[in-house]
Amino acid sequence: MFLTPMVLCPRIQTATLRATNAAPSDQFGVSVSLHGDSVLVGANNAESSAGAAGAGVAHLFEFDGNTWTPTHIFEAGASAAGDGFGLSVALDAGLVLIGADGKEGGNSPLLVNAGSAFVFSPCDGHDFSSTTDLDFCCDDFSEETSVIDGSC
């Protein structure tokens, strides 16, 4: 086996992404995913638009060649306090996958902290809709990572 040394060029920071509605302890940046000129950033402890503390959100940013612009904020449908939506995120070819490790799941009986993964796809441009809410059994989230590979 031959090992070739890797030469790393110096990297220069070109931008800092921040939530437009940031609050203390949101945990913005807990997860990130990059695909082309799009970045998805999780904030799993952020308050939802309905006021649920710790429900979590995910922010989508687009790069126009000069500037990163926030274009969409994702939330779980019927978000609740402690859902942790945004703990894991993945982005590929317009498809968005967001994990919520604290989301209650199941139908009967309701499973506390069962976790869910939400799949979003664009309708028109950046008008995303939730296409699937993947529920799991109690405490099935053993990893805090989401990965998407492929194309729509």
N, C-alpha and C. Protein backbone atom coordinates (compact mmCIF):
# COMPACT_ATOMS: atom_id res chain seq x y z
N MET A 1 0.85 -1.16 0.00
CA MET A 1 0.00 0.00 0.00
C MET A 1 0.90 1.23 0.00
N PHE A 2 0.57 2.17 -0.86
CA PHE A 2 1.30 3.43 -0.93
C PHE A 2 0.41 4.55 -0.46
N LEU A 3 0.93 5.39 0.39
CA LEU A 3 0.19 6.54 0.87
C LEU A 3 0.77 7.79 0.25
N THR A 4 -0.11 8.60 -0.29
CA THR A 4 0.30 9.86 -0.89
C THR A 4 -0.06 10.97 0.08
N PRO A 5 0.90 11.83 0.42
CA PRO A 5 0.56 12.92 1.33
C PRO A 5 -0.45 13.87 0.70
N MET A 6 -1.39 14.31 1.49
CA MET A 6 -2.41 15.23 1.03
C MET A 6 -1.93 16.66 1.25
N VAL A 7 -2.02 17.47 0.22
CA VAL A 7 -1.63 18.87 0.31
C VAL A 7 -2.90 19.69 0.45
N LEU A 8 -3.00 20.41 1.53
CA LEU A 8 -4.17 21.25 1.76
C LEU A 8 -3.82 22.70 1.52
N CYS A 9 -4.61 23.33 0.69
CA CYS A 9 -4.42 24.76 0.45
C CYS A 9 -5.03 25.53 1.61
N PRO A 10 -4.47 26.68 1.93
CA PRO A 10 -5.07 27.48 3.00
C PRO A 10 -6.48 27.90 2.59
N ARG A 11 -7.39 27.79 3.51
CA ARG A 11 -8.78 28.18 3.27
C ARG A 11 -9.03 29.52 3.92
N ILE A 12 -9.80 30.35 3.25
CA ILE A 12 -10.15 31.67 3.76
C ILE A 12 -11.64 31.71 4.02
N GLN A 13 -12.01 32.12 5.22
CA GLN A 13 -13.43 32.23 5.53
C GLN A 13 -14.04 33.31 4.66
N THR A 14 -15.14 32.96 3.98
CA THR A 14 -15.77 33.92 3.07
C THR A 14 -17.13 34.39 3.56
N ALA A 15 -17.71 33.70 4.53
CA ALA A 15 -19.04 34.11 5.01
C ALA A 15 -19.30 33.50 6.38
N THR A 16 -20.20 34.13 7.11
CA THR A 16 -20.73 33.59 8.35
C THR A 16 -22.24 33.58 8.21
N LEU A 17 -22.84 32.41 8.35
CA LEU A 17 -24.29 32.29 8.23
C LEU A 17 -24.92 32.39 9.61
N ARG A 18 -25.99 33.16 9.69
CA ARG A 18 -26.71 33.33 10.96
C ARG A 18 -28.20 33.28 10.69
N ALA A 19 -28.94 32.81 11.67
CA ALA A 19 -30.40 32.80 11.57
C ALA A 19 -30.92 34.22 11.62
N THR A 20 -31.90 34.52 10.81
CA THR A 20 -32.48 35.86 10.80
C THR A 20 -33.31 36.11 12.05
N ASN A 21 -33.76 35.05 12.69
CA ASN A 21 -34.59 35.17 13.90
C ASN A 21 -33.90 34.53 15.10
N ALA A 22 -32.58 34.66 15.19
CA ALA A 22 -31.79 33.99 16.22
C ALA A 22 -32.18 34.41 17.64
N ALA A 23 -32.09 33.44 18.54
CA ALA A 23 -32.33 33.67 19.96
C ALA A 23 -31.30 32.85 20.74
N PRO A 24 -31.04 33.23 21.99
CA PRO A 24 -30.08 32.47 22.80
C PRO A 24 -30.46 30.98 22.88
N SER A 25 -29.48 30.13 22.82
CA SER A 25 -29.63 28.68 22.97
C SER A 25 -30.38 27.99 21.84
N ASP A 26 -30.54 28.62 20.68
CA ASP A 26 -31.20 27.98 19.53
C ASP A 26 -30.40 26.78 19.02
N GLN A 27 -29.12 26.79 19.23
CA GLN A 27 -28.18 25.78 18.73
C GLN A 27 -28.13 25.77 17.20
N PHE A 28 -28.20 26.96 16.61
CA PHE A 28 -28.03 27.12 15.17
C PHE A 28 -26.66 26.58 14.79
N GLY A 29 -26.63 25.69 13.81
CA GLY A 29 -25.37 25.10 13.37
C GLY A 29 -25.11 23.73 13.95
N VAL A 30 -26.04 23.20 14.74
CA VAL A 30 -25.86 21.87 15.32
C VAL A 30 -25.69 20.82 14.22
N SER A 31 -26.28 21.09 13.05
CA SER A 31 -26.12 20.22 11.89
C SER A 31 -26.11 21.09 10.64
N VAL A 32 -25.32 20.68 9.66
CA VAL A 32 -25.25 21.42 8.39
C VAL A 32 -25.13 20.44 7.23
N SER A 33 -25.67 20.85 6.09
CA SER A 33 -25.53 20.05 4.88
C SER A 33 -25.37 21.01 3.71
N LEU A 34 -24.43 20.70 2.83
CA LEU A 34 -24.12 21.53 1.68
C LEU A 34 -24.38 20.74 0.41
N HIS A 35 -25.08 21.36 -0.54
CA HIS A 35 -25.25 20.75 -1.86
C HIS A 35 -25.26 21.87 -2.89
N GLY A 36 -24.24 21.89 -3.74
CA GLY A 36 -24.14 22.95 -4.75
C GLY A 36 -24.07 24.32 -4.10
N ASP A 37 -25.01 25.18 -4.45
CA ASP A 37 -25.07 26.53 -3.90
C ASP A 37 -26.12 26.66 -2.81
N SER A 38 -26.43 25.56 -2.14
CA SER A 38 -27.42 25.56 -1.06
C SER A 38 -26.82 24.99 0.21
N VAL A 39 -27.18 25.60 1.34
CA VAL A 39 -26.76 25.10 2.65
C VAL A 39 -28.00 24.99 3.53
N LEU A 40 -28.14 23.87 4.21
CA LEU A 40 -29.22 23.66 5.16
C LEU A 40 -28.60 23.60 6.55
N VAL A 41 -29.12 24.41 7.48
CA VAL A 41 -28.54 24.51 8.82
C VAL A 41 -29.62 24.22 9.86
N GLY A 42 -29.36 23.27 10.74
CA GLY A 42 -30.31 22.93 11.79
C GLY A 42 -30.12 23.79 13.03
N ALA A 43 -31.23 24.08 13.69
CA ALA A 43 -31.24 24.79 14.98
C ALA A 43 -32.25 24.05 15.86
N ASN A 44 -31.82 22.92 16.42
CA ASN A 44 -32.74 21.98 17.06
C ASN A 44 -33.36 22.46 18.37
N ASN A 45 -32.91 23.57 18.90
CA ASN A 45 -33.49 24.07 20.16
C ASN A 45 -34.23 25.39 19.95
N ALA A 46 -34.43 25.79 18.70
CA ALA A 46 -35.12 27.05 18.40
C ALA A 46 -36.61 26.93 18.69
N GLU A 47 -37.21 28.06 18.98
CA GLU A 47 -38.65 28.12 19.20
C GLU A 47 -39.35 28.08 17.84
N SER A 48 -40.45 27.34 17.75
CA SER A 48 -41.20 27.28 16.50
C SER A 48 -41.99 28.57 16.30
N SER A 49 -42.52 28.76 15.11
CA SER A 49 -43.33 29.95 14.83
C SER A 49 -44.59 29.97 15.68
N ALA A 50 -45.01 28.81 16.17
CA ALA A 50 -46.18 28.72 17.04
C ALA A 50 -45.83 28.95 18.51
N GLY A 51 -44.51 29.14 18.80
CA GLY A 51 -44.07 29.43 20.16
C GLY A 51 -43.69 28.22 20.99
N ALA A 52 -43.52 27.05 20.35
CA ALA A 52 -43.12 25.85 21.09
C ALA A 52 -41.61 25.90 21.34
N ALA A 53 -41.21 25.99 22.61
CA ALA A 53 -39.80 26.07 22.98
C ALA A 53 -39.09 24.76 22.66
N GLY A 54 -37.91 24.85 22.03
CA GLY A 54 -37.12 23.66 21.75
C GLY A 54 -37.70 22.77 20.67
N ALA A 55 -38.67 23.28 19.93
CA ALA A 55 -39.26 22.47 18.84
C ALA A 55 -38.26 22.28 17.72
N GLY A 56 -37.46 23.33 17.44
CA GLY A 56 -36.42 23.27 16.43
C GLY A 56 -36.89 23.69 15.04
N VAL A 57 -35.95 24.18 14.27
CA VAL A 57 -36.19 24.59 12.88
C VAL A 57 -34.93 24.27 12.07
N ALA A 58 -35.03 24.41 10.77
CA ALA A 58 -33.87 24.31 9.88
C ALA A 58 -33.94 25.45 8.88
N HIS A 59 -32.81 26.06 8.60
CA HIS A 59 -32.72 27.22 7.71
C HIS A 59 -32.03 26.84 6.42
N LEU A 60 -32.63 27.25 5.30
CA LEU A 60 -32.03 27.03 3.99
C LEU A 60 -31.45 28.34 3.47
N PHE A 61 -30.20 28.30 3.03
CA PHE A 61 -29.50 29.45 2.45
C PHE A 61 -29.11 29.11 1.02
N GLU A 62 -29.18 30.11 0.14
CA GLU A 62 -28.77 29.95 -1.25
C GLU A 62 -27.65 30.95 -1.56
N PHE A 63 -26.67 30.51 -2.34
CA PHE A 63 -25.55 31.37 -2.73
C PHE A 63 -25.76 31.82 -4.17
N ASP A 64 -25.70 33.13 -4.41
CA ASP A 64 -25.92 33.68 -5.75
C ASP A 64 -24.62 34.02 -6.47
N GLY A 65 -23.51 33.58 -5.92
CA GLY A 65 -22.20 33.90 -6.49
C GLY A 65 -21.47 34.96 -5.70
N ASN A 66 -22.23 35.73 -4.90
CA ASN A 66 -21.64 36.78 -4.07
C ASN A 66 -22.07 36.68 -2.61
N THR A 67 -23.34 36.34 -2.39
CA THR A 67 -23.92 36.41 -1.05
C THR A 67 -24.75 35.16 -0.74
N TRP A 68 -24.67 34.72 0.51
CA TRP A 68 -25.55 33.67 1.00
C TRP A 68 -26.83 34.33 1.52
N THR A 69 -27.97 33.93 0.98
CA THR A 69 -29.25 34.54 1.33
C THR A 69 -30.17 33.49 1.95
N PRO A 70 -30.79 33.81 3.12
CA PRO A 70 -31.76 32.87 3.69
C PRO A 70 -33.01 32.83 2.81
N THR A 71 -33.45 31.62 2.45
CA THR A 71 -34.58 31.49 1.55
C THR A 71 -35.78 30.76 2.15
N HIS A 72 -35.55 29.94 3.17
CA HIS A 72 -36.67 29.17 3.73
C HIS A 72 -36.33 28.72 5.15
N ILE A 73 -37.35 28.69 6.00
CA ILE A 73 -37.21 28.11 7.34
C ILE A 73 -38.18 26.93 7.41
N PHE A 74 -37.63 25.75 7.71
CA PHE A 74 -38.44 24.54 7.82
C PHE A 74 -38.84 24.29 9.27
N GLU A 75 -40.05 23.81 9.47
CA GLU A 75 -40.54 23.39 10.78
C GLU A 75 -41.30 22.09 10.62
N ALA A 76 -41.37 21.33 11.70
CA ALA A 76 -42.17 20.11 11.68
C ALA A 76 -43.64 20.49 11.73
N GLY A 77 -44.47 19.74 11.05
CA GLY A 77 -45.90 19.94 11.18
C GLY A 77 -46.31 19.62 12.61
N ALA A 78 -47.18 20.41 13.19
CA ALA A 78 -47.63 20.21 14.57
C ALA A 78 -46.43 20.12 15.52
N SER A 79 -45.53 21.09 15.41
CA SER A 79 -44.34 21.06 16.26
C SER A 79 -44.71 21.24 17.73
N ALA A 80 -43.92 20.61 18.58
CA ALA A 80 -44.16 20.67 20.02
C ALA A 80 -42.83 20.92 20.73
N ALA A 81 -42.91 21.40 21.94
CA ALA A 81 -41.72 21.66 22.74
C ALA A 81 -40.88 20.39 22.86
N GLY A 82 -39.57 20.56 22.66
CA GLY A 82 -38.65 19.44 22.83
C GLY A 82 -38.53 18.50 21.64
N ASP A 83 -39.13 18.82 20.50
CA ASP A 83 -39.05 17.93 19.33
C ASP A 83 -37.63 17.74 18.84
N GLY A 84 -36.80 18.78 18.93
CA GLY A 84 -35.43 18.68 18.45
C GLY A 84 -35.32 18.65 16.94
N PHE A 85 -36.32 19.17 16.23
CA PHE A 85 -36.32 19.23 14.78
C PHE A 85 -35.07 20.00 14.33
N GLY A 86 -34.30 19.42 13.43
CA GLY A 86 -33.07 20.06 12.95
C GLY A 86 -31.81 19.48 13.56
N LEU A 87 -31.95 18.49 14.46
CA LEU A 87 -30.75 17.87 15.05
C LEU A 87 -29.89 17.25 13.96
N SER A 88 -30.52 16.71 12.93
CA SER A 88 -29.78 16.19 11.78
C SER A 88 -30.46 16.70 10.52
N VAL A 89 -29.64 17.07 9.53
CA VAL A 89 -30.17 17.58 8.26
C VAL A 89 -29.39 17.00 7.10
N ALA A 90 -30.06 16.88 5.95
CA ALA A 90 -29.40 16.46 4.71
C ALA A 90 -30.09 17.16 3.55
N LEU A 91 -29.31 17.47 2.53
CA LEU A 91 -29.79 18.21 1.38
C LEU A 91 -29.17 17.61 0.13
N ASP A 92 -30.02 17.30 -0.87
CA ASP A 92 -29.49 16.76 -2.11
C ASP A 92 -30.51 16.99 -3.23
N ALA A 93 -30.08 17.66 -4.29
CA ALA A 93 -30.89 17.86 -5.49
C ALA A 93 -32.29 18.40 -5.16
N GLY A 94 -32.37 19.31 -4.22
CA GLY A 94 -33.65 19.91 -3.87
C GLY A 94 -34.44 19.15 -2.83
N LEU A 95 -34.05 17.93 -2.54
CA LEU A 95 -34.72 17.12 -1.53
C LEU A 95 -34.10 17.42 -0.17
N VAL A 96 -34.93 17.62 0.84
CA VAL A 96 -34.48 17.97 2.18
C VAL A 96 -34.94 16.90 3.16
N LEU A 97 -34.04 16.45 4.02
CA LEU A 97 -34.35 15.48 5.07
C LEU A 97 -33.94 16.09 6.39
N ILE A 98 -34.88 16.12 7.35
CA ILE A 98 -34.60 16.74 8.65
C ILE A 98 -35.06 15.79 9.76
N GLY A 99 -34.15 15.52 10.70
CA GLY A 99 -34.47 14.64 11.82
C GLY A 99 -34.92 15.41 13.04
N ALA A 100 -35.81 14.79 13.80
CA ALA A 100 -36.32 15.36 15.05
C ALA A 100 -36.33 14.23 16.08
N ASP A 101 -35.25 14.13 16.86
CA ASP A 101 -35.10 12.98 17.76
C ASP A 101 -36.09 12.96 18.91
N GLY A 102 -36.66 14.11 19.28
CA GLY A 102 -37.60 14.16 20.40
C GLY A 102 -39.06 14.14 20.00
N LYS A 103 -39.33 14.04 18.70
CA LYS A 103 -40.71 14.06 18.21
C LYS A 103 -41.46 12.83 18.69
N GLU A 104 -42.65 13.05 19.23
CA GLU A 104 -43.49 11.92 19.63
C GLU A 104 -44.02 11.25 18.38
N GLY A 105 -44.15 9.95 18.42
CA GLY A 105 -44.57 9.22 17.23
C GLY A 105 -45.58 8.14 17.56
N GLY A 106 -45.97 7.43 16.53
CA GLY A 106 -46.95 6.37 16.69
C GLY A 106 -48.36 6.92 16.78
N ASN A 107 -49.32 6.05 16.67
CA ASN A 107 -50.71 6.46 16.73
C ASN A 107 -51.36 6.09 18.05
N SER A 108 -51.23 4.86 18.45
CA SER A 108 -51.83 4.43 19.70
C SER A 108 -51.02 3.27 20.24
N PRO A 109 -50.39 3.38 21.35
CA PRO A 109 -50.28 4.57 22.18
C PRO A 109 -49.22 5.51 21.61
N LEU A 110 -49.30 6.76 22.02
CA LEU A 110 -48.33 7.76 21.59
C LEU A 110 -46.97 7.42 22.20
N LEU A 111 -45.94 7.40 21.38
CA LEU A 111 -44.61 7.02 21.83
C LEU A 111 -43.78 8.27 22.09
N VAL A 112 -43.40 8.48 23.33
CA VAL A 112 -42.62 9.65 23.73
C VAL A 112 -41.20 9.54 23.20
N ASN A 113 -40.70 10.62 22.61
CA ASN A 113 -39.34 10.68 22.07
C ASN A 113 -39.04 9.57 21.06
N ALA A 114 -40.05 9.15 20.32
CA ALA A 114 -39.84 8.10 19.32
C ALA A 114 -38.97 8.60 18.17
N GLY A 115 -39.09 9.88 17.85
CA GLY A 115 -38.30 10.47 16.78
C GLY A 115 -38.98 10.35 15.43
N SER A 116 -38.70 11.29 14.57
CA SER A 116 -39.21 11.29 13.21
C SER A 116 -38.17 11.89 12.28
N ALA A 117 -38.28 11.52 11.01
CA ALA A 117 -37.49 12.15 9.96
C ALA A 117 -38.48 12.72 8.96
N PHE A 118 -38.30 13.97 8.60
CA PHE A 118 -39.22 14.67 7.72
C PHE A 118 -38.56 14.88 6.36
N VAL A 119 -39.26 14.51 5.30
CA VAL A 119 -38.77 14.67 3.94
C VAL A 119 -39.56 15.81 3.29
N PHE A 120 -38.85 16.77 2.73
CA PHE A 120 -39.47 17.92 2.05
C PHE A 120 -38.99 17.93 0.60
N SER A 121 -39.88 18.31 -0.28
CA SER A 121 -39.50 18.50 -1.68
C SER A 121 -40.10 19.81 -2.16
N PRO A 122 -39.43 20.48 -3.10
CA PRO A 122 -39.93 21.78 -3.56
C PRO A 122 -41.15 21.62 -4.44
N CYS A 123 -42.11 22.52 -4.26
CA CYS A 123 -43.30 22.55 -5.12
C CYS A 123 -43.01 23.45 -6.31
N ASP A 124 -42.79 24.71 -6.03
CA ASP A 124 -42.45 25.71 -7.06
C ASP A 124 -41.29 26.52 -6.52
N GLY A 125 -40.14 26.39 -7.15
CA GLY A 125 -38.98 27.14 -6.67
C GLY A 125 -38.61 26.68 -5.27
N HIS A 126 -38.76 27.55 -4.27
CA HIS A 126 -38.40 27.21 -2.90
C HIS A 126 -39.62 27.10 -2.00
N ASP A 127 -40.76 26.81 -2.59
CA ASP A 127 -41.97 26.59 -1.80
C ASP A 127 -42.02 25.11 -1.46
N PHE A 128 -41.42 24.74 -0.34
CA PHE A 128 -41.31 23.34 0.04
C PHE A 128 -42.56 22.87 0.75
N SER A 129 -42.88 21.61 0.57
CA SER A 129 -43.97 21.01 1.32
C SER A 129 -43.47 19.71 1.93
N SER A 130 -44.02 19.36 3.09
CA SER A 130 -43.63 18.12 3.74
C SER A 130 -44.32 16.98 3.01
N THR A 131 -43.53 16.09 2.44
CA THR A 131 -44.10 14.99 1.69
C THR A 131 -44.21 13.73 2.53
N THR A 132 -43.40 13.61 3.54
CA THR A 132 -43.40 12.40 4.34
C THR A 132 -42.93 12.71 5.76
N ASP A 133 -43.56 12.09 6.73
CA ASP A 133 -43.11 12.12 8.12
C ASP A 133 -42.83 10.67 8.48
N LEU A 134 -41.57 10.31 8.54
CA LEU A 134 -41.18 8.94 8.83
C LEU A 134 -41.07 8.74 10.33
N ASP A 135 -42.00 8.00 10.91
CA ASP A 135 -41.97 7.72 12.34
C ASP A 135 -41.14 6.48 12.63
N PHE A 136 -40.53 6.47 13.79
CA PHE A 136 -39.74 5.33 14.22
C PHE A 136 -40.24 4.86 15.58
N CYS A 137 -39.84 3.68 15.98
CA CYS A 137 -40.22 3.16 17.29
C CYS A 137 -39.44 3.87 18.39
N CYS A 138 -39.82 3.64 19.62
CA CYS A 138 -39.22 4.32 20.77
C CYS A 138 -37.71 4.36 20.70
N ASP A 139 -37.16 5.56 20.79
CA ASP A 139 -35.73 5.79 20.88
C ASP A 139 -34.91 5.09 19.80
N ASP A 140 -35.44 5.03 18.57
CA ASP A 140 -34.72 4.41 17.47
C ASP A 140 -33.60 5.27 16.91
N PHE A 141 -33.56 6.55 17.27
CA PHE A 141 -32.50 7.41 16.75
C PHE A 141 -31.21 7.11 17.48
N SER A 142 -30.38 6.28 16.87
CA SER A 142 -29.10 5.95 17.49
C SER A 142 -27.98 6.83 16.95
N GLU A 143 -28.21 7.47 15.82
CA GLU A 143 -27.20 8.35 15.24
C GLU A 143 -27.79 9.73 15.05
N GLU A 144 -26.97 10.72 15.11
CA GLU A 144 -27.42 12.10 14.95
C GLU A 144 -26.98 12.63 13.60
N THR A 145 -27.12 11.81 12.56
CA THR A 145 -26.67 12.19 11.23
C THR A 145 -27.71 11.77 10.21
N SER A 146 -27.96 12.63 9.24
CA SER A 146 -28.81 12.31 8.11
C SER A 146 -27.98 12.41 6.85
N VAL A 147 -28.17 11.48 5.93
CA VAL A 147 -27.44 11.50 4.68
C VAL A 147 -28.40 11.18 3.55
N ILE A 148 -28.34 11.96 2.49
CA ILE A 148 -29.10 11.68 1.28
C ILE A 148 -28.09 11.53 0.16
N ASP A 149 -28.26 10.52 -0.66
CA ASP A 149 -27.39 10.35 -1.80
C ASP A 149 -28.26 9.97 -2.98
N GLY A 150 -28.17 10.70 -4.05
CA GLY A 150 -28.98 10.42 -5.22
C GLY A 150 -29.59 11.70 -5.74
N SER A 151 -30.50 11.57 -6.64
CA SER A 151 -31.15 12.75 -7.20
C SER A 151 -32.63 12.50 -7.35
N CYS A 152 -33.38 13.60 -7.49
CA CYS A 152 -34.84 13.50 -7.63
C CYS A 152 -35.19 12.99 -9.00
